[in-house]
Amino acid sequence: MKGLLSSPRRRRRAFWLVAVAAVAATIAILGVFYPNTSPTRHSAPFTKAPVQKVAPNPATVRFSAQDRKAVADVAGRFISSAVYRHHLDDSYDLVMPSFHQGLTRAEWRTGNIPVSPYPGDAVALLRWKLDYSYRNRVGMRVAFMPKQNAKVGGIVYAIELENVGTAAHHRWLVSYWTPLGQEVLSQAQRRALQGPPVSAKPQLGAEWIFVVIGSLLGLILLVPIVLALRGWRARRRVDRAYRALAP
């Protein structure tokens, strides 16, 4: 042990190793005995009450042709009125009361409503797809495909309608409308992102290619010539020095 620690450098290294090991051991002990020092730590309460369960999704029912026609009619009128912002009074009666969010009919007429708009004159094709169908609730996805020269892109919206009223007198009302963010750029937008067309004509003439190739060949030939001259001059210096020392 005396020979191992006889060097001052070894003693310094041994000291730092012991210090690092001590710090690591202290951190490990604190982690074991004090895993959480937060003042907001609370012990989990254990009771004999029944376990709370998340309510399962409603049972899916068949979307009949009659319901399909009624839902498509209400959804189409809602889009034409609220989404396209045409005759907003019509859409006020096509949504659930909770959808109004406290807005009066006059306030709804101003267009400042909780419905994401889309310009109707930019639509080339409108498609919808059934998302789910429950007993009194239907969800769909509506895709707006823009015209080729439209300044807006296509987008997919989610819409939900609820069946309200009695079995004899019922109607479908919109209860949910939100964009899903699945945007599709129109051709006009793609052209704007690509910028102005780039000319395929080369900016430099073909003669510049020969200039570059000639320069590279010149460098390849010049390097061995320079090395040969340096070697010849070095030999000349050695020869002169040797002749000067000769008797």
C-alpha atoms as a PDB file:
ATOM      1  CA  MET A   1       0.000   0.000   0.000  1.00  0.00           C
ATOM      2  CA  LYS A   2       2.964   2.279   0.713  1.00  0.00           C
ATOM      3  CA  GLY A   3       4.239   1.879  -2.827  1.00  0.00           C
ATOM      4  CA  LEU A   4       0.777   2.459  -4.300  1.00  0.00           C
ATOM      5  CA  LEU A   5       0.286   5.832  -2.558  1.00  0.00           C
ATOM      6  CA  SER A   6       3.895   6.940  -2.604  1.00  0.00           C
ATOM      7  CA  SER A   7       3.285   9.217  -5.610  1.00  0.00           C
ATOM      8  CA  PRO A   8       1.588  12.590  -4.919  1.00  0.00           C
ATOM      9  CA  ARG A   9      -0.384  12.236  -8.167  1.00  0.00           C
ATOM     10  CA  ARG A  10      -1.745   8.850  -7.102  1.00  0.00           C
ATOM     11  CA  ARG A  11      -2.680  10.221  -3.688  1.00  0.00           C
ATOM     12  CA  ARG A  12      -4.652  13.082  -5.337  1.00  0.00           C
ATOM     13  CA  ARG A  13      -6.455  10.640  -7.640  1.00  0.00           C
ATOM     14  CA  ALA A  14      -7.292   8.349  -4.737  1.00  0.00           C
ATOM     15  CA  PHE A  15      -8.659  11.321  -2.779  1.00  0.00           C
ATOM     16  CA  TRP A  16     -10.998  12.358  -5.618  1.00  0.00           C
ATOM     17  CA  LEU A  17     -12.177   8.779  -6.145  1.00  0.00           C
ATOM     18  CA  VAL A  18     -13.066   8.473  -2.461  1.00  0.00           C
ATOM     19  CA  ALA A  19     -14.855  11.854  -2.529  1.00  0.00           C
ATOM     20  CA  VAL A  20     -16.943  10.936  -5.588  1.00  0.00           C
ATOM     21  CA  ALA A  21     -17.849   7.573  -4.064  1.00  0.00           C
ATOM     22  CA  ALA A  22     -18.928   9.287  -0.824  1.00  0.00           C
ATOM     23  CA  VAL A  23     -21.168  11.754  -2.687  1.00  0.00           C
ATOM     24  CA  ALA A  24     -22.752   8.950  -4.736  1.00  0.00           C
ATOM     25  CA  ALA A  25     -23.405   6.901  -1.598  1.00  0.00           C
ATOM     26  CA  THR A  26     -25.000   9.909   0.134  1.00  0.00           C
ATOM     27  CA  ILE A  27     -27.325  10.539  -2.832  1.00  0.00           C
ATOM     28  CA  ALA A  28     -28.317   6.865  -2.931  1.00  0.00           C
ATOM     29  CA  ILE A  29     -29.118   6.824   0.805  1.00  0.00           C
ATOM     30  CA  LEU A  30     -31.218  10.000   0.511  1.00  0.00           C
ATOM     31  CA  GLY A  31     -33.079   8.522  -2.456  1.00  0.00           C
ATOM     32  CA  VAL A  32     -33.932   5.377  -0.515  1.00  0.00           C
ATOM     33  CA  PHE A  33     -34.999   6.907   2.791  1.00  0.00           C
ATOM     34  CA  TYR A  34     -36.454  10.177   1.444  1.00  0.00           C
ATOM     35  CA  PRO A  35     -38.064   9.331  -1.926  1.00  0.00           C
ATOM     36  CA  ASN A  36     -40.346  12.402  -1.974  1.00  0.00           C
ATOM     37  CA  THR A  37     -39.887  15.542   0.082  1.00  0.00           C
ATOM     38  CA  SER A  38     -42.796  17.451  -1.502  1.00  0.00           C
ATOM     39  CA  PRO A  39     -45.093  19.036   1.117  1.00  0.00           C
ATOM     40  CA  THR A  40     -48.130  18.139  -1.020  1.00  0.00           C
ATOM     41  CA  ARG A  41     -47.531  14.409  -0.704  1.00  0.00           C
ATOM     42  CA  HIS A  42     -50.589  12.582   0.525  1.00  0.00           C
ATOM     43  CA  SER A  43     -51.128   8.962   1.303  1.00  0.00           C
ATOM     44  CA  ALA A  44     -53.563   7.161  -0.937  1.00  0.00           C
ATOM     45  CA  PRO A  45     -56.886   6.684   0.874  1.00  0.00           C
ATOM     46  CA  PHE A  46     -58.111   3.104   1.016  1.00  0.00           C
ATOM     47  CA  THR A  47     -61.856   2.675   1.377  1.00  0.00           C
ATOM     48  CA  LYS A  48     -64.370  -0.134   1.040  1.00  0.00           C
ATOM     49  CA  ALA A  49     -66.447   1.843  -1.448  1.00  0.00           C
ATOM     50  CA  PRO A  50     -67.076   0.189  -4.836  1.00  0.00           C
ATOM     51  CA  VAL A  51     -64.602   0.942  -7.600  1.00  0.00           C
ATOM     52  CA  GLN A  52     -65.701   3.731  -9.900  1.00  0.00           C
ATOM     53  CA  LYS A  53     -66.039   2.562 -13.491  1.00  0.00           C
ATOM     54  CA  VAL A  54     -66.009   4.601 -16.673  1.00  0.00           C
ATOM     55  CA  ALA A  55     -69.344   4.489 -18.446  1.00  0.00           C
ATOM     56  CA  PRO A  56     -69.132   2.387 -21.622  1.00  0.00           C
ATOM     57  CA  ASN A  57     -69.912   3.851 -25.020  1.00  0.00           C
ATOM     58  CA  PRO A  58     -73.554   3.614 -26.101  1.00  0.00           C
ATOM     59  CA  ALA A  59     -74.512   0.667 -28.215  1.00  0.00           C
ATOM     60  CA  THR A  60     -74.145   1.261 -31.931  1.00  0.00           C
ATOM     61  CA  VAL A  61     -77.421   1.144 -33.872  1.00  0.00           C
ATOM     62  CA  ARG A  62     -78.065   0.855 -37.583  1.00  0.00           C
ATOM     63  CA  PHE A  63     -78.194   4.139 -39.450  1.00  0.00           C
ATOM     64  CA  SER A  64     -81.414   3.713 -41.385  1.00  0.00           C
ATOM     65  CA  ALA A  65     -82.075   5.237 -44.786  1.00  0.00           C
ATOM     66  CA  GLN A  66     -84.790   7.453 -43.305  1.00  0.00           C
ATOM     67  CA  ASP A  67     -82.449   8.814 -40.622  1.00  0.00           C
ATOM     68  CA  ARG A  68     -79.711   9.223 -43.218  1.00  0.00           C
ATOM     69  CA  LYS A  69     -81.940  11.422 -45.349  1.00  0.00           C
ATOM     70  CA  ALA A  70     -83.084  13.516 -42.363  1.00  0.00           C
ATOM     71  CA  VAL A  71     -79.542  13.959 -41.025  1.00  0.00           C
ATOM     72  CA  ALA A  72     -78.137  14.851 -44.443  1.00  0.00           C
ATOM     73  CA  ASP A  73     -80.857  17.450 -44.919  1.00  0.00           C
ATOM     74  CA  VAL A  74     -80.172  19.161 -41.561  1.00  0.00           C
ATOM     75  CA  ALA A  75     -76.389  18.971 -42.001  1.00  0.00           C
ATOM     76  CA  GLY A  76     -76.619  20.434 -45.495  1.00  0.00           C
ATOM     77  CA  ARG A  77     -78.792  23.341 -44.364  1.00  0.00           C
ATOM     78  CA  PHE A  78     -76.509  23.974 -41.399  1.00  0.00           C
ATOM     79  CA  ILE A  79     -73.417  24.121 -43.631  1.00  0.00           C
ATOM     80  CA  SER A  80     -75.124  26.357 -46.163  1.00  0.00           C
ATOM     81  CA  SER A  81     -76.242  28.765 -43.449  1.00  0.00           C
ATOM     82  CA  ALA A  82     -73.763  28.734 -40.553  1.00  0.00           C
ATOM     83  CA  VAL A  83     -70.571  27.556 -42.251  1.00  0.00           C
ATOM     84  CA  TYR A  84     -70.966  29.510 -45.490  1.00  0.00           C
ATOM     85  CA  ARG A  85     -72.421  32.456 -43.528  1.00  0.00           C
ATOM     86  CA  HIS A  86     -75.564  32.734 -45.685  1.00  0.00           C
ATOM     87  CA  HIS A  87     -78.954  33.470 -44.034  1.00  0.00           C
ATOM     88  CA  LEU A  88     -77.662  32.878 -40.508  1.00  0.00           C
ATOM     89  CA  ASP A  89     -81.171  33.019 -39.068  1.00  0.00           C
ATOM     90  CA  ASP A  90     -81.861  29.592 -40.584  1.00  0.00           C
ATOM     91  CA  SER A  91     -79.007  27.900 -38.689  1.00  0.00           C
ATOM     92  CA  TYR A  92     -80.129  29.333 -35.340  1.00  0.00           C
ATOM     93  CA  ASP A  93     -83.022  26.864 -35.327  1.00  0.00           C
ATOM     94  CA  LEU A  94     -80.901  23.950 -36.580  1.00  0.00           C
ATOM     95  CA  VAL A  95     -78.636  23.639 -33.528  1.00  0.00           C
ATOM     96  CA  MET A  96     -79.103  22.502 -29.955  1.00  0.00           C
ATOM     97  CA  PRO A  97     -79.867  25.239 -27.390  1.00  0.00           C
ATOM     98  CA  SER A  98     -76.515  24.567 -25.711  1.00  0.00           C
ATOM     99  CA  PHE A  99     -74.807  25.263 -29.036  1.00  0.00           C
ATOM    100  CA  HIS A 100     -76.042  28.868 -28.914  1.00  0.00           C
ATOM    101  CA  GLN A 101     -73.755  29.511 -25.931  1.00  0.00           C
ATOM    102  CA  GLY A 102     -76.138  32.189 -24.684  1.00  0.00           C
ATOM    103  CA  LEU A 103     -76.283  34.097 -27.972  1.00  0.00           C
ATOM    104  CA  THR A 104     -79.588  35.646 -28.969  1.00  0.00           C
ATOM    105  CA  ARG A 105     -80.902  35.408 -32.510  1.00  0.00           C
ATOM    106  CA  ALA A 106     -79.804  38.984 -33.175  1.00  0.00           C
ATOM    107  CA  GLU A 107     -76.302  38.246 -31.895  1.00  0.00           C
ATOM    108  CA  TRP A 108     -76.190  35.047 -33.944  1.00  0.00           C
ATOM    109  CA  ARG A 109     -77.079  37.057 -37.024  1.00  0.00           C
ATOM    110  CA  THR A 110     -73.862  39.093 -36.722  1.00  0.00           C
ATOM    111  CA  GLY A 111     -71.764  36.029 -37.681  1.00  0.00           C
ATOM    112  CA  ASN A 112     -69.740  35.999 -34.457  1.00  0.00           C
ATOM    113  CA  ILE A 113     -70.859  32.451 -33.670  1.00  0.00           C
ATOM    114  CA  PRO A 114     -69.139  29.273 -32.406  1.00  0.00           C
ATOM    115  CA  VAL A 115     -68.986  27.792 -35.916  1.00  0.00           C
ATOM    116  CA  SER A 116     -65.772  27.636 -37.954  1.00  0.00           C
ATOM    117  CA  PRO A 117     -66.556  29.225 -41.334  1.00  0.00           C
ATOM    118  CA  TYR A 118     -65.557  28.109 -44.814  1.00  0.00           C
ATOM    119  CA  PRO A 119     -66.069  30.070 -48.059  1.00  0.00           C
ATOM    120  CA  GLY A 120     -68.818  28.393 -50.039  1.00  0.00           C
ATOM    121  CA  ASP A 121     -67.655  29.815 -53.377  1.00  0.00           C
ATOM    122  CA  ALA A 122     -64.319  27.945 -52.967  1.00  0.00           C
ATOM    123  CA  VAL A 123     -65.931  24.494 -52.639  1.00  0.00           C
ATOM    124  CA  ALA A 124     -65.653  22.156 -55.594  1.00  0.00           C
ATOM    125  CA  LEU A 125     -66.855  19.001 -53.864  1.00  0.00           C
ATOM    126  CA  LEU A 126     -68.421  18.168 -50.517  1.00  0.00           C
ATOM    127  CA  ARG A 127     -68.249  14.644 -49.116  1.00  0.00           C
ATOM    128  CA  TRP A 128     -69.322  13.195 -45.799  1.00  0.00           C
ATOM    129  CA  LYS A 129     -68.692   9.876 -44.072  1.00  0.00           C
ATOM    130  CA  LEU A 130     -70.471   8.272 -41.126  1.00  0.00           C
ATOM    131  CA  ASP A 131     -68.272   8.179 -38.017  1.00  0.00           C
ATOM    132  CA  TYR A 132     -70.639   6.631 -35.446  1.00  0.00           C
ATOM    133  CA  SER A 133     -74.345   5.992 -35.027  1.00  0.00           C
ATOM    134  CA  TYR A 134     -75.980   5.626 -31.596  1.00  0.00           C
ATOM    135  CA  ARG A 135     -79.625   5.532 -30.605  1.00  0.00           C
ATOM    136  CA  ASN A 136     -80.176   9.299 -30.586  1.00  0.00           C
ATOM    137  CA  ARG A 137     -76.797  10.586 -31.721  1.00  0.00           C
ATOM    138  CA  VAL A 138     -74.940  10.507 -35.049  1.00  0.00           C
ATOM    139  CA  GLY A 139     -71.413  11.660 -35.815  1.00  0.00           C
ATOM    140  CA  MET A 140     -70.026  12.333 -39.280  1.00  0.00           C
ATOM    141  CA  ARG A 141     -66.910  13.683 -40.958  1.00  0.00           C
ATOM    142  CA  VAL A 142     -67.446  16.270 -43.673  1.00  0.00           C
ATOM    143  CA  ALA A 143     -64.674  16.940 -46.216  1.00  0.00           C
ATOM    144  CA  PHE A 144     -64.504  20.229 -48.113  1.00  0.00           C
ATOM    145  CA  MET A 145     -62.539  19.845 -51.356  1.00  0.00           C
ATOM    146  CA  PRO A 146     -61.558  23.236 -52.841  1.00  0.00           C
ATOM    147  CA  LYS A 147     -61.527  24.374 -56.424  1.00  0.00           C
ATOM    148  CA  GLN A 148     -58.232  24.302 -58.290  1.00  0.00           C
ATOM    149  CA  ASN A 149     -57.726  28.065 -58.103  1.00  0.00           C
ATOM    150  CA  ALA A 150     -59.136  28.500 -54.575  1.00  0.00           C
ATOM    151  CA  LYS A 151     -57.102  30.527 -52.095  1.00  0.00           C
ATOM    152  CA  VAL A 152     -58.015  28.168 -49.256  1.00  0.00           C
ATOM    153  CA  GLY A 153     -57.205  24.518 -48.797  1.00  0.00           C
ATOM    154  CA  GLY A 154     -59.541  21.632 -48.240  1.00  0.00           C
ATOM    155  CA  ILE A 155     -60.297  20.573 -44.697  1.00  0.00           C
ATOM    156  CA  VAL A 156     -62.231  17.920 -42.784  1.00  0.00           C
ATOM    157  CA  TYR A 157     -64.781  18.836 -40.102  1.00  0.00           C
ATOM    158  CA  ALA A 158     -66.470  16.723 -37.448  1.00  0.00           C
ATOM    159  CA  ILE A 159     -70.202  17.206 -36.966  1.00  0.00           C
ATOM    160  CA  GLU A 160     -72.585  15.597 -34.496  1.00  0.00           C
ATOM    161  CA  LEU A 161     -76.375  15.669 -34.534  1.00  0.00           C
ATOM    162  CA  GLU A 162     -78.803  14.649 -31.809  1.00  0.00           C
ATOM    163  CA  ASN A 163     -82.329  13.351 -32.191  1.00  0.00           C
ATOM    164  CA  VAL A 164     -84.648  15.366 -29.949  1.00  0.00           C
ATOM    165  CA  GLY A 165     -88.385  15.271 -29.324  1.00  0.00           C
ATOM    166  CA  THR A 166     -90.814  12.400 -29.046  1.00  0.00           C
ATOM    167  CA  ALA A 167     -91.028   9.279 -31.157  1.00  0.00           C
ATOM    168  CA  ALA A 168     -93.940  10.755 -33.078  1.00  0.00           C
ATOM    169  CA  HIS A 169     -92.513  14.256 -33.426  1.00  0.00           C
ATOM    170  CA  HIS A 170     -88.745  14.350 -33.428  1.00  0.00           C
ATOM    171  CA  ARG A 171     -86.032  16.169 -35.353  1.00  0.00           C
ATOM    172  CA  TRP A 172     -82.275  16.215 -35.704  1.00  0.00           C
ATOM    173  CA  LEU A 173     -80.258  19.175 -34.393  1.00  0.00           C
ATOM    174  CA  VAL A 174     -76.537  19.934 -34.650  1.00  0.00           C
ATOM    175  CA  SER A 175     -74.756  19.679 -31.311  1.00  0.00           C
ATOM    176  CA  TYR A 176     -71.091  19.733 -32.355  1.00  0.00           C
ATOM    177  CA  TRP A 177     -68.962  21.213 -35.152  1.00  0.00           C
ATOM    178  CA  THR A 178     -65.168  21.489 -35.176  1.00  0.00           C
ATOM    179  CA  PRO A 179     -62.320  21.255 -37.703  1.00  0.00           C
ATOM    180  CA  LEU A 180     -60.130  18.179 -37.494  1.00  0.00           C
ATOM    181  CA  GLY A 181     -57.095  19.906 -38.992  1.00  0.00           C
ATOM    182  CA  GLN A 182     -56.691  17.474 -41.902  1.00  0.00           C
ATOM    183  CA  GLU A 183     -56.018  20.233 -44.405  1.00  0.00           C
ATOM    184  CA  VAL A 184     -55.421  19.604 -48.108  1.00  0.00           C
ATOM    185  CA  LEU A 185     -53.757  22.376 -50.126  1.00  0.00           C
ATOM    186  CA  SER A 186     -55.331  23.535 -53.355  1.00  0.00           C
ATOM    187  CA  GLN A 187     -53.314  23.808 -56.544  1.00  0.00           C
ATOM    188  CA  ALA A 188     -53.160  27.588 -56.206  1.00  0.00           C
ATOM    189  CA  GLN A 189     -51.694  27.253 -52.699  1.00  0.00           C
ATOM    190  CA  ARG A 190     -49.144  24.706 -53.894  1.00  0.00           C
ATOM    191  CA  ARG A 191     -48.022  27.039 -56.663  1.00  0.00           C
ATOM    192  CA  ALA A 192     -47.693  29.897 -54.165  1.00  0.00           C
ATOM    193  CA  LEU A 193     -45.531  27.768 -51.839  1.00  0.00           C
ATOM    194  CA  GLN A 194     -43.298  26.633 -54.714  1.00  0.00           C
ATOM    195  CA  GLY A 195     -42.558  30.228 -55.695  1.00  0.00           C
ATOM    196  CA  PRO A 196     -41.815  31.497 -59.205  1.00  0.00           C
ATOM    197  CA  PRO A 197     -40.796  28.911 -61.795  1.00  0.00           C
ATOM    198  CA  VAL A 198     -37.075  28.275 -61.994  1.00  0.00           C
ATOM    199  CA  SER A 199     -35.474  28.368 -65.438  1.00  0.00           C
ATOM    200  CA  ALA A 200     -33.837  25.121 -66.471  1.00  0.00           C
ATOM    201  CA  LYS A 201     -31.274  27.003 -68.613  1.00  0.00           C
ATOM    202  CA  PRO A 202     -27.791  26.826 -67.060  1.00  0.00           C
ATOM    203  CA  GLN A 203     -26.471  30.143 -65.784  1.00  0.00           C
ATOM    204  CA  LEU A 204     -22.915  29.389 -66.988  1.00  0.00           C
ATOM    205  CA  GLY A 205     -21.909  28.449 -70.512  1.00  0.00           C
ATOM    206  CA  ALA A 206     -20.434  25.098 -71.475  1.00  0.00           C
ATOM    207  CA  GLU A 207     -16.992  26.682 -71.857  1.00  0.00           C
ATOM    208  CA  TRP A 208     -16.741  27.083 -68.084  1.00  0.00           C
ATOM    209  CA  ILE A 209     -16.807  23.301 -67.720  1.00  0.00           C
ATOM    210  CA  PHE A 210     -13.631  23.044 -69.795  1.00  0.00           C
ATOM    211  CA  VAL A 211     -12.031  25.807 -67.709  1.00  0.00           C
ATOM    212  CA  VAL A 212     -12.699  23.859 -64.509  1.00  0.00           C
ATOM    213  CA  ILE A 213     -11.450  20.581 -65.984  1.00  0.00           C
ATOM    214  CA  GLY A 214      -8.314  22.287 -67.348  1.00  0.00           C
ATOM    215  CA  SER A 215      -7.603  23.849 -63.953  1.00  0.00           C
ATOM    216  CA  LEU A 216      -7.854  20.476 -62.225  1.00  0.00           C
ATOM    217  CA  LEU A 217      -5.534  18.843 -64.771  1.00  0.00           C
ATOM    218  CA  GLY A 218      -3.066  21.701 -64.385  1.00  0.00           C
ATOM    219  CA  LEU A 219      -2.999  21.211 -60.604  1.00  0.00           C
ATOM    220  CA  ILE A 220      -2.453  17.476 -61.032  1.00  0.00           C
ATOM    221  CA  LEU A 221       0.567  18.110 -63.268  1.00  0.00           C
ATOM    222  CA  LEU A 222       1.909  21.020 -61.232  1.00  0.00           C
ATOM    223  CA  VAL A 223       2.144  19.175 -57.911  1.00  0.00           C
ATOM    224  CA  PRO A 224       4.757  16.561 -59.006  1.00  0.00           C
ATOM    225  CA  ILE A 225       6.763  19.275 -60.800  1.00  0.00           C
ATOM    226  CA  VAL A 226       6.937  21.400 -57.660  1.00  0.00           C
ATOM    227  CA  LEU A 227       7.941  18.382 -55.575  1.00  0.00           C
ATOM    228  CA  ALA A 228      10.658  17.461 -58.072  1.00  0.00           C
ATOM    229  CA  LEU A 229      12.070  21.016 -58.016  1.00  0.00           C
ATOM    230  CA  ARG A 230      12.107  21.032 -54.219  1.00  0.00           C
ATOM    231  CA  GLY A 231      13.985  17.723 -54.165  1.00  0.00           C
ATOM    232  CA  TRP A 232      16.497  18.962 -56.762  1.00  0.00           C
ATOM    233  CA  ARG A 233      17.188  22.130 -54.771  1.00  0.00           C
ATOM    234  CA  ALA A 234      17.613  20.141 -51.561  1.00  0.00           C
ATOM    235  CA  ARG A 235      20.155  17.854 -53.257  1.00  0.00           C
ATOM    236  CA  ARG A 236      22.027  20.856 -54.600  1.00  0.00           C
ATOM    237  CA  ARG A 237      22.330  22.316 -51.095  1.00  0.00           C
ATOM    238  CA  VAL A 238      23.597  19.006 -49.755  1.00  0.00           C
ATOM    239  CA  ASP A 239      26.161  18.715 -52.531  1.00  0.00           C
ATOM    240  CA  ARG A 240      27.484  22.245 -51.949  1.00  0.00           C
ATOM    241  CA  ALA A 241      27.750  21.628 -48.236  1.00  0.00           C
ATOM    242  CA  TYR A 242      29.605  18.349 -48.849  1.00  0.00           C
ATOM    243  CA  ARG A 243      32.054  19.976 -51.311  1.00  0.00           C
ATOM    244  CA  ALA A 244      32.730  22.778 -48.841  1.00  0.00           C
ATOM    245  CA  LEU A 245      33.723  20.230 -46.184  1.00  0.00           C
ATOM    246  CA  ALA A 246      35.845  18.150 -48.525  1.00  0.00           C
ATOM    247  CA  PRO A 247      39.714  18.671 -48.139  1.00  0.00           C
END
